[in-house]
Amino acid sequence: MNSTAWKLGCLLLTICGATSSAQTSNWFTYNGNYEATRFSPLTQINSHTASRLARVCSFDTREQMSMQSGPVVVDGALYLTTDTSTYAIDAATCALKWRTGRAYSPLGFLKNNHGVAYMGGRLFRVSGDAHAYSLDAATGKLLWDVSFRARDGETAPMAPLAWNGMVFVGNAGGDNMGVTGHLHALDAATGRELWRFDVVPDTGAPRRTWPSGDAVPPTGGGMWTSLALDPVRGVLYVPTGNAAPDFVIRLRPGENLYTDSIIALDAKTGRFLGHIQTSKYDYHDWDVSAAPTVFTTRAGRAMIAVPGKDGLVHGIVRDGDRFTLQYSTPTTTRLNITAPLTHLRATRFCPGTQGGSEWNGAAFNPGLNLIFVGAVDWCAHIRLVHPDSIKLPLAPDFTGAAGGGFGQFDPKDQWKGWITAVDADAGTVSWKHRVATPVLAGVTTTAGDVVITGDMNGSLLVLDARTGAPLYSGSVGASIGGGVVTYDAGGRQYIAVAAGSISPVWPLPEATSRVVVFGLH
């Protein structure tokens, strides 16, 4: 079937990823829907029934990876990824339907992948060698495989987004010298590139926000997680990483556009519409590593909520292609944030480089008009490299020394996490729940007025969305750093947890990547 015929078939069958942005009994994107609200209309699991939750089944991949995958659930099938494998299991029984492996060499440092996109009976994902490929959702058969790698040092852990016959993918690796972010729209039927957007433009006013010359090449603006989309207006929202070297800001004076930003693009053409930079003159590695949440508040404001590694959730008003910052509300400890970094001594600041909100973003409950954000509370100490040791032009591996500095974190026994509920109009904190470990897991909310997430001790957590009061805690046997999603299968509401996070940058016990499913008993 050719590209045009396949797109027409999708439209006639009304299955091109979903015909509306409203969440259904499925969980059809990394963040539940195009707008990344992580909201489900399901109500079986609520403040009155959550105490009756129990483990239903589990599926263990037996792989040891940085499990950060966000499960996607469509019509009773749950799709899960590791860095090198894609799995389809029965969403109610955890029975394996199929597995497809795709090895690459050498494996990436982090060995992580955030999951698939689904559209028209096909799955789309990326791999650590900056390839995008498509699989038949029913069989796992490979349909196409293309590279979008522009240079050495690029990786690709993000979860793609699929819409209107297109698949949107982007690269990470923007901490490696000379690597900049680029977003691609691919034809869903063939993998052919339809358009490309470069986060760091080669010309024009944005390029003048970077140093000139080749001694310190523009570096940064990679994409670590998924995207968000306004399907009515056809606007794509792209979160971008920090500039590099991470900490030696004197080597890259200026705003370094469009790093640390949310960029709005015309999804059909890739045309630039606007942007907002959440961390200006960043020297803390405080990139935007989570997808923004797109919603309309109770007061009728069209907004996006952007949780960042800076430990803030930014409430931004959308007025056409203009963005106005409405509020920036702290979601974790913020300390010493303006202190300069120096080679003479280590400077402690919070959030640290692994702090704030990581690859899982916010959730929005329209009935309560509340934004829910999970966050890491873990401070870092950074001492810059000695100026005399910096040789120009910078070598590609310069950022290997912690982005131009030497760092360490507070002891593990001092770390903790937060789940914060924020009024979407006012930006005020409605409630705050402290967690014993950083919150890396996905945060999901429902019409049953619960908030569902997990911790790094391996506990599924269910809170009352109105008050933050704990309703349920159940063990999955491994640290939770992946998606926590909810869906209906056969008339029963389930919660699926992607667990087994191990990582060279997080002090976690060894575990295998798995999904654990809960339901009411």
Protein backbone atom coordinates (compact mmCIF):
# COMPACT_ATOMS: atom_id res chain seq x y z
CA MET A 1 0.00 0.00 0.00
CA ASN A 2 1.44 3.41 -0.91
CA SER A 3 1.70 6.35 1.48
CA THR A 4 -1.36 8.21 0.17
CA ALA A 5 -3.58 5.14 0.23
CA TRP A 6 -2.50 4.26 3.76
CA LYS A 7 -3.31 7.75 5.04
CA LEU A 8 -6.71 7.65 3.34
CA GLY A 9 -7.39 4.25 4.88
CA CYS A 10 -6.56 5.63 8.30
CA LEU A 11 -9.00 8.48 7.84
CA LEU A 12 -11.79 6.22 6.61
CA LEU A 13 -11.30 3.78 9.47
CA THR A 14 -10.88 6.63 12.00
CA ILE A 15 -7.89 4.93 13.60
CA CYS A 16 -4.99 7.23 12.75
CA GLY A 17 -3.72 7.25 16.31
CA ALA A 18 -7.18 8.32 17.58
CA THR A 19 -9.84 10.50 16.06
CA SER A 20 -10.07 12.91 18.94
CA SER A 21 -7.78 14.15 21.67
CA ALA A 22 -10.06 12.93 24.44
CA GLN A 23 -8.71 10.07 26.51
CA THR A 24 -10.70 6.84 26.27
CA SER A 25 -10.45 3.43 27.89
CA ASN A 26 -7.11 3.09 26.05
CA TRP A 27 -3.81 4.77 26.88
CA PHE A 28 -2.78 5.47 23.31
CA THR A 29 0.29 7.73 23.71
CA TYR A 30 3.21 7.94 26.12
CA ASN A 31 1.32 10.59 28.08
CA GLY A 32 -2.18 9.20 27.50
CA ASN A 33 -3.34 11.63 24.81
CA TYR A 34 -1.93 14.16 22.38
CA GLU A 35 -2.13 17.01 24.91
CA ALA A 36 -0.09 14.98 27.43
CA THR A 37 -2.59 15.58 30.25
CA ARG A 38 -2.14 12.06 31.67
CA PHE A 39 -5.85 12.15 32.57
CA SER A 40 -8.19 9.16 32.29
CA PRO A 41 -12.01 9.34 32.47
CA LEU A 42 -12.15 5.96 34.24
CA THR A 43 -13.75 5.88 37.70
CA GLN A 44 -13.76 2.28 38.98
CA ILE A 45 -10.60 3.01 40.96
CA ASN A 46 -11.45 5.98 43.18
CA SER A 47 -11.01 7.27 46.71
CA HIS A 48 -13.55 4.73 48.00
CA THR A 49 -12.22 1.66 46.18
CA ALA A 50 -8.45 2.21 45.94
CA SER A 51 -7.81 0.27 49.16
CA ARG A 52 -9.05 -2.87 47.36
CA LEU A 53 -6.27 -2.82 44.78
CA ALA A 54 -4.18 -5.95 44.39
CA ARG A 55 -1.63 -7.33 41.96
CA VAL A 56 -3.28 -9.04 38.99
CA CYS A 57 -0.28 -10.20 36.94
CA SER A 58 3.25 -9.29 35.91
CA PHE A 59 5.52 -9.71 32.91
CA ASP A 60 9.30 -9.79 33.35
CA THR A 61 11.46 -9.07 30.28
CA ARG A 62 14.50 -10.55 32.07
CA GLU A 63 16.50 -7.68 30.61
CA GLN A 64 18.51 -5.30 32.80
CA MET A 65 18.01 -1.84 31.33
CA SER A 66 17.21 1.69 32.50
CA MET A 67 13.48 0.94 32.51
CA GLN A 68 11.90 4.29 31.64
CA SER A 69 9.30 3.02 29.18
CA GLY A 70 5.78 4.40 29.26
CA PRO A 71 3.31 1.59 28.45
CA VAL A 72 0.87 2.22 25.61
CA VAL A 73 -2.43 0.28 25.76
CA VAL A 74 -4.74 -0.13 22.76
CA ASP A 75 -7.74 -2.49 22.63
CA GLY A 76 -6.48 -4.90 25.24
CA ALA A 77 -2.84 -5.01 24.11
CA LEU A 78 -0.08 -3.39 26.18
CA TYR A 79 3.13 -2.34 24.41
CA LEU A 80 6.36 -1.95 26.36
CA THR A 81 9.97 -1.26 25.35
CA THR A 82 13.51 -1.66 26.57
CA ASP A 83 16.51 -0.14 24.83
CA THR A 84 16.68 -3.03 22.35
CA SER A 85 13.33 -4.86 22.52
CA THR A 86 9.63 -4.22 21.98
CA TYR A 87 7.00 -6.36 23.70
CA ALA A 88 3.26 -6.82 23.24
CA ILE A 89 1.39 -8.48 26.11
CA ASP A 90 -2.24 -9.05 27.03
CA ALA A 91 -3.23 -6.03 29.12
CA ALA A 92 -5.44 -8.12 31.43
CA THR A 93 -3.34 -11.29 31.88
CA CYS A 94 0.25 -10.18 31.04
CA ALA A 95 0.57 -13.10 28.62
CA LEU A 96 3.20 -12.46 25.95
CA LYS A 97 1.83 -11.88 22.44
CA TRP A 98 5.13 -11.19 20.70
CA ARG A 99 8.63 -9.77 21.16
CA THR A 100 10.80 -8.05 18.56
CA GLY A 101 14.48 -7.36 19.21
CA ARG A 102 16.71 -4.83 17.49
CA ALA A 103 20.29 -4.79 18.73
CA TYR A 104 22.78 -2.02 17.97
CA SER A 105 26.43 -1.51 18.86
CA PRO A 106 27.82 -0.05 20.92
CA LEU A 107 24.91 0.25 23.33
CA GLY A 108 24.25 3.70 24.74
CA PHE A 109 25.57 4.73 28.15
CA LEU A 110 22.10 4.98 29.71
CA LYS A 111 20.44 2.02 27.92
CA ASN A 112 17.03 3.68 28.13
CA ASN A 113 13.98 4.02 25.92
CA HIS A 114 10.70 5.78 26.65
CA GLY A 115 8.30 3.76 24.55
CA VAL A 116 6.24 3.57 21.38
CA ALA A 117 3.68 5.62 19.51
CA TYR A 118 0.62 3.89 18.05
CA MET A 119 -1.30 4.80 14.90
CA GLY A 120 -3.38 2.84 12.42
CA GLY A 121 -2.33 -0.63 13.58
CA ARG A 122 1.35 0.28 13.59
CA LEU A 123 3.90 1.02 16.32
CA PHE A 124 6.70 3.56 16.00
CA ARG A 125 9.79 3.85 18.17
CA VAL A 126 13.40 4.99 18.18
CA SER A 127 16.63 3.32 19.29
CA GLY A 128 19.85 4.46 20.90
CA ASP A 129 21.69 4.66 17.57
CA ALA A 130 19.23 7.39 16.44
CA HIS A 131 17.15 5.16 14.21
CA ALA A 132 13.37 5.25 13.92
CA TYR A 133 11.46 2.15 12.97
CA SER A 134 7.92 0.85 12.60
CA LEU A 135 6.40 -2.48 13.64
CA ASP A 136 3.12 -4.17 12.86
CA ALA A 137 1.17 -3.87 16.14
CA ALA A 138 -0.45 -7.30 15.69
CA THR A 139 2.68 -9.31 14.93
CA GLY A 140 5.77 -7.23 15.74
CA LYS A 141 6.98 -7.53 12.15
CA LEU A 142 9.43 -4.82 11.09
CA LEU A 143 7.88 -2.51 8.47
CA TRP A 144 10.62 0.07 7.97
CA ASP A 145 13.82 1.33 9.63
CA VAL A 146 15.51 4.69 8.94
CA SER A 147 18.38 6.63 10.49
CA PHE A 148 17.99 10.27 11.50
CA ARG A 149 21.45 10.57 13.02
CA ALA A 150 23.33 13.68 11.93
CA ARG A 151 26.68 13.14 13.72
CA ASP A 152 28.51 11.04 16.29
CA GLY A 153 27.38 11.47 19.89
CA GLU A 154 23.66 11.48 19.11
CA THR A 155 21.26 9.08 20.80
CA ALA A 156 17.47 8.70 20.83
CA PRO A 157 15.53 7.59 23.93
CA MET A 158 12.34 9.62 23.34
CA ALA A 159 8.84 8.24 22.83
CA PRO A 160 7.66 9.38 19.37
CA LEU A 161 4.28 11.01 18.76
CA ALA A 162 2.17 9.90 15.78
CA TRP A 163 -0.58 12.03 14.24
CA ASN A 164 -2.21 12.68 10.88
CA GLY A 165 -0.06 10.17 8.98
CA MET A 166 3.17 11.54 10.48
CA VAL A 167 5.58 10.37 13.17
CA PHE A 168 7.61 12.95 15.11
CA VAL A 169 11.06 11.90 16.37
CA GLY A 170 14.11 13.74 17.68
CA ASN A 171 17.63 13.14 18.95
CA ALA A 172 19.27 13.43 22.34
CA GLY A 173 23.00 13.71 23.11
CA GLY A 174 23.12 17.49 23.40
CA ASP A 175 25.63 17.29 26.25
CA ASN A 176 28.23 16.02 23.75
CA MET A 177 30.24 18.79 22.14
CA GLY A 178 28.88 19.85 18.77
CA VAL A 179 25.63 17.85 19.01
CA THR A 180 22.47 19.91 18.61
CA GLY A 181 18.82 18.87 18.62
CA HIS A 182 16.83 18.25 15.46
CA LEU A 183 13.21 17.17 15.16
CA HIS A 184 11.91 15.17 12.19
CA ALA A 185 8.45 14.49 10.81
CA LEU A 186 8.47 11.10 9.07
CA ASP A 187 5.87 9.60 6.78
CA ALA A 188 4.20 6.93 8.90
CA ALA A 189 3.83 4.57 5.94
CA THR A 190 7.42 4.66 4.71
CA GLY A 191 9.68 6.47 7.19
CA ARG A 192 10.51 9.09 4.55
CA GLU A 193 11.37 12.50 6.01
CA LEU A 194 8.67 15.12 5.43
CA TRP A 195 10.28 18.02 7.26
CA ARG A 196 13.05 18.79 9.74
CA PHE A 197 13.45 21.50 12.37
CA ASP A 198 16.84 22.39 13.87
CA VAL A 199 16.71 23.53 17.50
CA VAL A 200 19.89 25.60 17.02
CA PRO A 201 19.38 27.59 13.80
CA ASP A 202 22.36 28.12 11.49
CA THR A 203 21.43 31.72 10.68
CA GLY A 204 19.36 34.68 11.83
CA ALA A 205 18.80 36.32 15.19
CA PRO A 206 18.63 33.06 17.19
CA ARG A 207 22.06 32.02 15.88
CA ARG A 208 23.49 35.30 17.19
CA THR A 209 22.58 34.20 20.74
CA TRP A 210 25.54 31.79 20.51
CA PRO A 211 29.28 32.54 20.38
CA SER A 212 30.76 32.98 16.91
CA GLY A 213 33.65 30.95 15.59
CA ASP A 214 34.51 27.28 15.85
CA ALA A 215 36.33 27.20 19.20
CA VAL A 216 33.12 26.41 21.10
CA PRO A 217 30.57 25.02 18.64
CA PRO A 218 26.87 25.42 19.51
CA THR A 219 25.88 22.37 21.53
CA GLY A 220 22.61 21.33 23.15
CA GLY A 221 18.88 21.37 22.64
CA GLY A 222 18.39 17.61 22.45
CA MET A 223 15.09 15.89 23.21
CA TRP A 224 14.87 13.29 25.97
CA THR A 225 11.19 12.48 26.20
CA SER A 226 7.96 12.77 24.24
CA LEU A 227 6.14 15.75 22.73
CA ALA A 228 2.70 17.31 23.07
CA LEU A 229 0.22 18.38 20.42
CA ASP A 230 -2.83 20.58 20.09
CA PRO A 231 -4.71 18.46 17.51
CA VAL A 232 -7.34 21.13 16.86
CA ARG A 233 -4.85 23.81 15.84
CA GLY A 234 -2.22 21.35 14.62
CA VAL A 235 0.48 22.82 16.89
CA LEU A 236 3.35 20.63 18.07
CA TYR A 237 5.08 21.49 21.37
CA VAL A 238 8.72 20.43 21.63
CA PRO A 239 10.70 20.41 24.92
CA THR A 240 14.44 20.98 24.50
CA GLY A 241 17.55 20.25 26.55
CA ASN A 242 20.20 22.55 27.95
CA ALA A 243 23.19 24.07 26.20
CA ALA A 244 26.68 22.68 26.77
CA PRO A 245 29.23 22.74 28.29
CA ASP A 246 26.69 22.32 31.08
CA PHE A 247 28.41 24.44 33.73
CA VAL A 248 31.07 26.64 32.06
CA ILE A 249 28.73 29.39 30.98
CA ARG A 250 31.54 31.82 30.07
CA LEU A 251 32.31 29.63 27.06
CA ARG A 252 28.80 30.14 25.62
CA PRO A 253 27.54 33.62 26.61
CA GLY A 254 24.07 34.55 25.44
CA GLU A 255 20.59 33.02 25.56
CA ASN A 256 21.67 29.99 23.48
CA LEU A 257 18.34 29.70 21.64
CA TYR A 258 16.38 27.48 21.44
CA THR A 259 17.75 25.39 24.31
CA ASP A 260 15.89 25.03 27.65
CA SER A 261 12.69 25.91 25.81
CA ILE A 262 9.27 24.86 24.65
CA ILE A 263 9.09 25.38 20.90
CA ALA A 264 5.77 25.59 19.04
CA LEU A 265 5.77 24.30 15.46
CA ASP A 266 3.15 23.88 12.77
CA ALA A 267 2.84 20.10 12.91
CA LYS A 268 2.04 19.77 9.21
CA THR A 269 4.94 21.82 7.88
CA GLY A 270 7.49 22.26 10.70
CA ARG A 271 7.14 26.04 10.47
CA PHE A 272 8.35 27.83 13.61
CA LEU A 273 5.50 29.54 15.49
CA GLY A 274 6.99 30.65 18.79
CA HIS A 275 8.91 29.63 21.89
CA ILE A 276 9.41 30.30 25.56
CA GLN A 277 12.69 29.66 27.38
CA THR A 278 12.14 28.44 30.94
CA SER A 279 15.77 28.56 32.15
CA LYS A 280 17.68 31.51 30.79
CA TYR A 281 21.49 31.50 30.98
CA ASP A 282 21.37 27.98 32.40
CA TYR A 283 24.53 26.70 34.10
CA HIS A 284 22.94 23.98 36.27
CA ASP A 285 21.92 21.40 33.61
CA TRP A 286 18.28 22.39 34.13
CA ASP A 287 16.90 21.39 30.76
CA VAL A 288 13.24 20.82 29.92
CA SER A 289 13.25 17.04 29.87
CA ALA A 290 9.48 16.41 30.12
CA ALA A 291 6.69 17.02 27.64
CA PRO A 292 4.47 20.04 28.35
CA THR A 293 0.82 19.52 29.29
CA VAL A 294 -1.69 21.33 27.06
CA PHE A 295 -5.08 22.23 28.56
CA THR A 296 -7.77 24.84 29.17
CA THR A 297 -8.33 25.93 32.75
CA ARG A 298 -11.58 26.38 34.63
CA ALA A 299 -11.29 30.13 33.99
CA GLY A 300 -11.07 29.48 30.25
CA ARG A 301 -7.34 30.13 29.81
CA ALA A 302 -5.54 28.14 27.13
CA MET A 303 -2.33 27.07 28.88
CA ILE A 304 0.60 24.71 28.96
CA ALA A 305 2.24 23.45 32.14
CA VAL A 306 5.96 22.72 31.92
CA PRO A 307 7.72 20.97 34.82
CA GLY A 308 11.49 21.33 34.56
CA LYS A 309 14.68 20.15 36.16
CA ASP A 310 14.82 23.63 37.70
CA GLY A 311 12.28 22.42 40.30
CA LEU A 312 9.49 24.65 39.02
CA VAL A 313 6.25 24.02 37.19
CA HIS A 314 5.79 26.87 34.75
CA GLY A 315 2.22 27.86 33.92
CA ILE A 316 2.23 29.47 30.47
CA VAL A 317 -0.73 31.15 28.76
CA ARG A 318 -1.16 30.35 25.05
CA ASP A 319 -2.56 33.23 22.99
CA GLY A 320 -2.26 32.18 19.37
CA ASP A 321 1.49 31.85 18.83
CA ARG A 322 2.39 34.06 21.80
CA PHE A 323 3.38 32.66 25.18
CA THR A 324 3.13 34.53 28.48
CA LEU A 325 4.51 33.15 31.72
CA GLN A 326 1.68 33.20 34.26
CA TYR A 327 3.51 31.63 37.21
CA SER A 328 6.48 29.46 38.21
CA THR A 329 5.66 27.38 41.26
CA PRO A 330 8.34 25.41 43.18
CA THR A 331 7.80 21.65 43.31
CA THR A 332 10.97 20.73 45.23
CA THR A 333 13.78 22.32 47.27
CA ARG A 334 15.42 25.30 45.56
CA LEU A 335 18.62 26.49 47.20
CA ASN A 336 21.68 28.50 46.13
CA ILE A 337 20.28 28.84 42.63
CA THR A 338 22.11 32.09 41.75
CA ALA A 339 25.48 31.26 43.33
CA PRO A 340 28.24 31.28 40.70
CA LEU A 341 30.21 28.12 40.04
CA THR A 342 33.99 28.27 40.43
CA HIS A 343 37.06 26.05 40.07
CA LEU A 344 38.21 27.04 43.58
CA ARG A 345 35.59 25.07 45.52
CA ALA A 346 32.45 23.01 45.06
CA THR A 347 29.16 24.89 45.11
CA ARG A 348 26.06 23.09 46.42
CA PHE A 349 22.76 23.86 44.72
CA CYS A 350 19.26 22.41 44.68
CA PRO A 351 17.77 20.95 42.61
CA GLY A 352 20.91 19.14 41.50
CA THR A 353 21.64 18.07 37.96
CA GLN A 354 19.39 15.02 38.48
CA GLY A 355 16.77 17.06 40.31
CA GLY A 356 13.41 18.65 39.65
CA SER A 357 11.17 16.89 37.14
CA GLU A 358 12.81 14.40 34.82
CA TRP A 359 11.39 12.57 31.76
CA ASN A 360 7.83 12.16 33.10
CA GLY A 361 5.80 15.35 33.07
CA ALA A 362 2.72 16.77 34.75
CA ALA A 363 -0.87 15.51 34.87
CA PHE A 364 -3.97 17.72 34.67
CA ASN A 365 -7.36 16.93 36.19
CA PRO A 366 -9.95 19.20 34.49
CA GLY A 367 -12.69 18.51 37.03
CA LEU A 368 -10.48 19.67 39.90
CA ASN A 369 -8.53 22.26 37.85
CA LEU A 370 -5.34 20.86 39.40
CA ILE A 371 -1.90 20.12 37.94
CA PHE A 372 0.02 17.26 39.58
CA VAL A 373 3.81 17.16 39.38
CA GLY A 374 6.30 14.57 40.62
CA ALA A 375 9.77 15.81 41.52
CA VAL A 376 13.23 14.79 42.68
CA ASP A 377 14.75 16.39 45.81
CA TRP A 378 18.49 15.70 45.54
CA CYS A 379 21.14 18.43 45.69
CA ALA A 380 24.45 18.50 43.82
CA HIS A 381 27.94 19.89 44.43
CA ILE A 382 29.84 21.15 41.37
CA ARG A 383 33.42 22.44 41.06
CA LEU A 384 34.48 23.72 37.65
CA VAL A 385 37.54 22.47 35.85
CA HIS A 386 40.54 24.79 36.14
CA PRO A 387 40.46 27.46 33.40
CA ASP A 388 44.04 26.61 32.39
CA SER A 389 42.95 23.05 31.57
CA ILE A 390 40.45 24.21 28.93
CA LYS A 391 41.99 23.95 25.48
CA LEU A 392 40.34 25.65 22.53
CA PRO A 393 38.84 24.49 20.28
CA LEU A 394 36.98 22.18 22.60
CA ALA A 395 37.29 18.48 21.90
CA PRO A 396 34.12 16.42 21.32
CA ASP A 397 34.65 14.62 24.66
CA PHE A 398 35.12 17.83 26.70
CA THR A 399 31.74 17.42 28.37
CA GLY A 400 32.74 13.99 29.61
CA ALA A 401 34.09 15.70 32.75
CA ALA A 402 30.57 16.43 33.98
CA GLY A 403 30.02 19.25 31.50
CA GLY A 404 33.15 21.15 32.44
CA GLY A 405 32.99 20.43 36.16
CA PHE A 406 33.50 17.77 38.79
CA GLY A 407 30.42 16.85 40.77
CA GLN A 408 28.88 14.77 43.48
CA PHE A 409 25.45 14.48 45.06
CA ASP A 410 24.25 14.62 48.62
CA PRO A 411 24.29 11.19 50.29
CA LYS A 412 21.51 8.88 49.19
CA ASP A 413 20.01 8.86 52.69
CA GLN A 414 19.21 12.57 52.20
CA TRP A 415 17.25 12.22 49.01
CA LYS A 416 13.48 12.41 48.82
CA GLY A 417 10.70 13.34 46.42
CA TRP A 418 7.46 15.28 46.16
CA ILE A 419 4.08 15.13 44.52
CA THR A 420 2.64 18.64 44.31
CA ALA A 421 -0.90 19.71 43.38
CA VAL A 422 -1.06 23.20 41.84
CA ASP A 423 -4.14 25.27 41.00
CA ALA A 424 -4.01 25.60 37.22
CA ASP A 425 -5.27 29.21 37.16
CA ALA A 426 -3.57 30.75 40.19
CA GLY A 427 -0.38 28.66 40.39
CA THR A 428 -0.87 28.22 44.14
CA VAL A 429 -0.05 24.94 45.87
CA SER A 430 -3.20 23.04 46.84
CA TRP A 431 -1.35 20.25 48.61
CA LYS A 432 2.08 18.61 48.75
CA HIS A 433 2.93 14.99 49.54
CA ARG A 434 6.45 13.98 50.57
CA VAL A 435 7.84 10.70 49.26
CA ALA A 436 10.83 8.90 50.77
CA THR A 437 12.59 8.68 47.39
CA PRO A 438 12.76 10.85 44.25
CA VAL A 439 9.65 10.62 42.07
CA LEU A 440 10.77 9.60 38.58
CA ALA A 441 7.68 7.57 37.69
CA GLY A 442 4.82 8.84 35.57
CA VAL A 443 2.05 10.68 37.45
CA THR A 444 -1.49 9.91 36.30
CA THR A 445 -4.85 11.31 37.41
CA THR A 446 -8.41 10.14 36.73
CA ALA A 447 -12.06 11.16 36.88
CA GLY A 448 -12.17 8.98 39.99
CA ASP A 449 -10.18 11.84 41.58
CA VAL A 450 -7.08 9.82 42.36
CA VAL A 451 -3.40 10.45 41.60
CA ILE A 452 -1.36 7.38 40.71
CA THR A 453 2.46 7.15 40.66
CA GLY A 454 5.34 5.13 42.09
CA ASP A 455 8.56 5.49 44.04
CA MET A 456 12.10 4.19 43.79
CA ASN A 457 11.53 1.78 46.67
CA GLY A 458 9.22 -0.08 44.29
CA SER A 459 5.83 0.97 45.64
CA LEU A 460 2.77 1.85 43.58
CA LEU A 461 1.24 4.91 45.26
CA VAL A 462 -2.39 6.05 45.00
CA LEU A 463 -3.36 9.40 46.54
CA ASP A 464 -6.61 11.29 46.93
CA ALA A 465 -6.44 13.96 44.22
CA ARG A 466 -8.38 16.46 46.33
CA THR A 467 -6.28 16.24 49.48
CA GLY A 468 -3.10 14.26 48.78
CA ALA A 469 -4.05 11.70 51.42
CA PRO A 470 -2.53 8.23 50.75
CA LEU A 471 -5.11 5.65 49.69
CA TYR A 472 -3.00 2.65 48.70
CA SER A 473 0.60 1.40 48.48
CA GLY A 474 1.58 -1.88 46.83
CA SER A 475 4.99 -3.36 46.02
CA VAL A 476 6.15 -4.19 42.49
CA GLY A 477 9.51 -5.54 43.65
CA ALA A 478 11.74 -3.08 41.76
CA SER A 479 12.38 0.66 41.49
CA ILE A 480 9.79 2.56 39.46
CA GLY A 481 11.13 5.05 36.92
CA GLY A 482 8.85 4.32 34.00
CA GLY A 483 5.23 4.97 33.15
CA VAL A 484 2.29 4.38 35.49
CA VAL A 485 -0.87 4.22 33.37
CA THR A 486 -4.50 3.19 33.69
CA TYR A 487 -6.91 1.67 31.16
CA ASP A 488 -9.99 -0.52 30.72
CA ALA A 489 -9.81 -4.09 29.45
CA GLY A 490 -12.97 -6.18 29.32
CA GLY A 491 -14.91 -3.72 31.47
CA ARG A 492 -12.33 -3.71 34.29
CA GLN A 493 -10.00 -0.83 35.15
CA TYR A 494 -6.34 -1.69 35.53
CA ILE A 495 -3.14 0.12 36.51
CA ALA A 496 0.11 -0.88 34.78
CA VAL A 497 3.50 0.01 36.27
CA ALA A 498 6.79 -0.09 34.32
CA ALA A 499 9.45 -0.97 36.88
CA GLY A 500 13.00 -2.24 37.18
CA SER A 501 14.91 1.02 36.75
CA ILE A 502 18.67 0.64 36.88
CA SER A 503 21.01 3.39 35.76
CA PRO A 504 24.66 4.49 35.91
CA VAL A 505 23.50 7.90 37.20
CA TRP A 506 21.04 6.71 39.87
CA PRO A 507 22.11 4.59 42.90
CA LEU A 508 19.57 1.80 42.47
CA PRO A 509 19.70 -1.95 43.12
CA GLU A 510 19.96 -4.34 40.20
CA ALA A 511 16.63 -5.49 38.78
CA THR A 512 15.07 -6.72 35.58
CA SER A 513 12.73 -4.57 33.48
CA ARG A 514 9.10 -5.55 34.03
CA VAL A 515 5.49 -4.44 33.99
CA VAL A 516 3.19 -5.14 36.94
CA VAL A 517 -0.59 -4.83 36.60
CA PHE A 518 -3.02 -4.03 39.43
CA GLY A 519 -6.81 -4.14 39.59
CA LEU A 520 -9.63 -4.16 42.15
CA HIS A 521 -10.47 -7.39 43.92
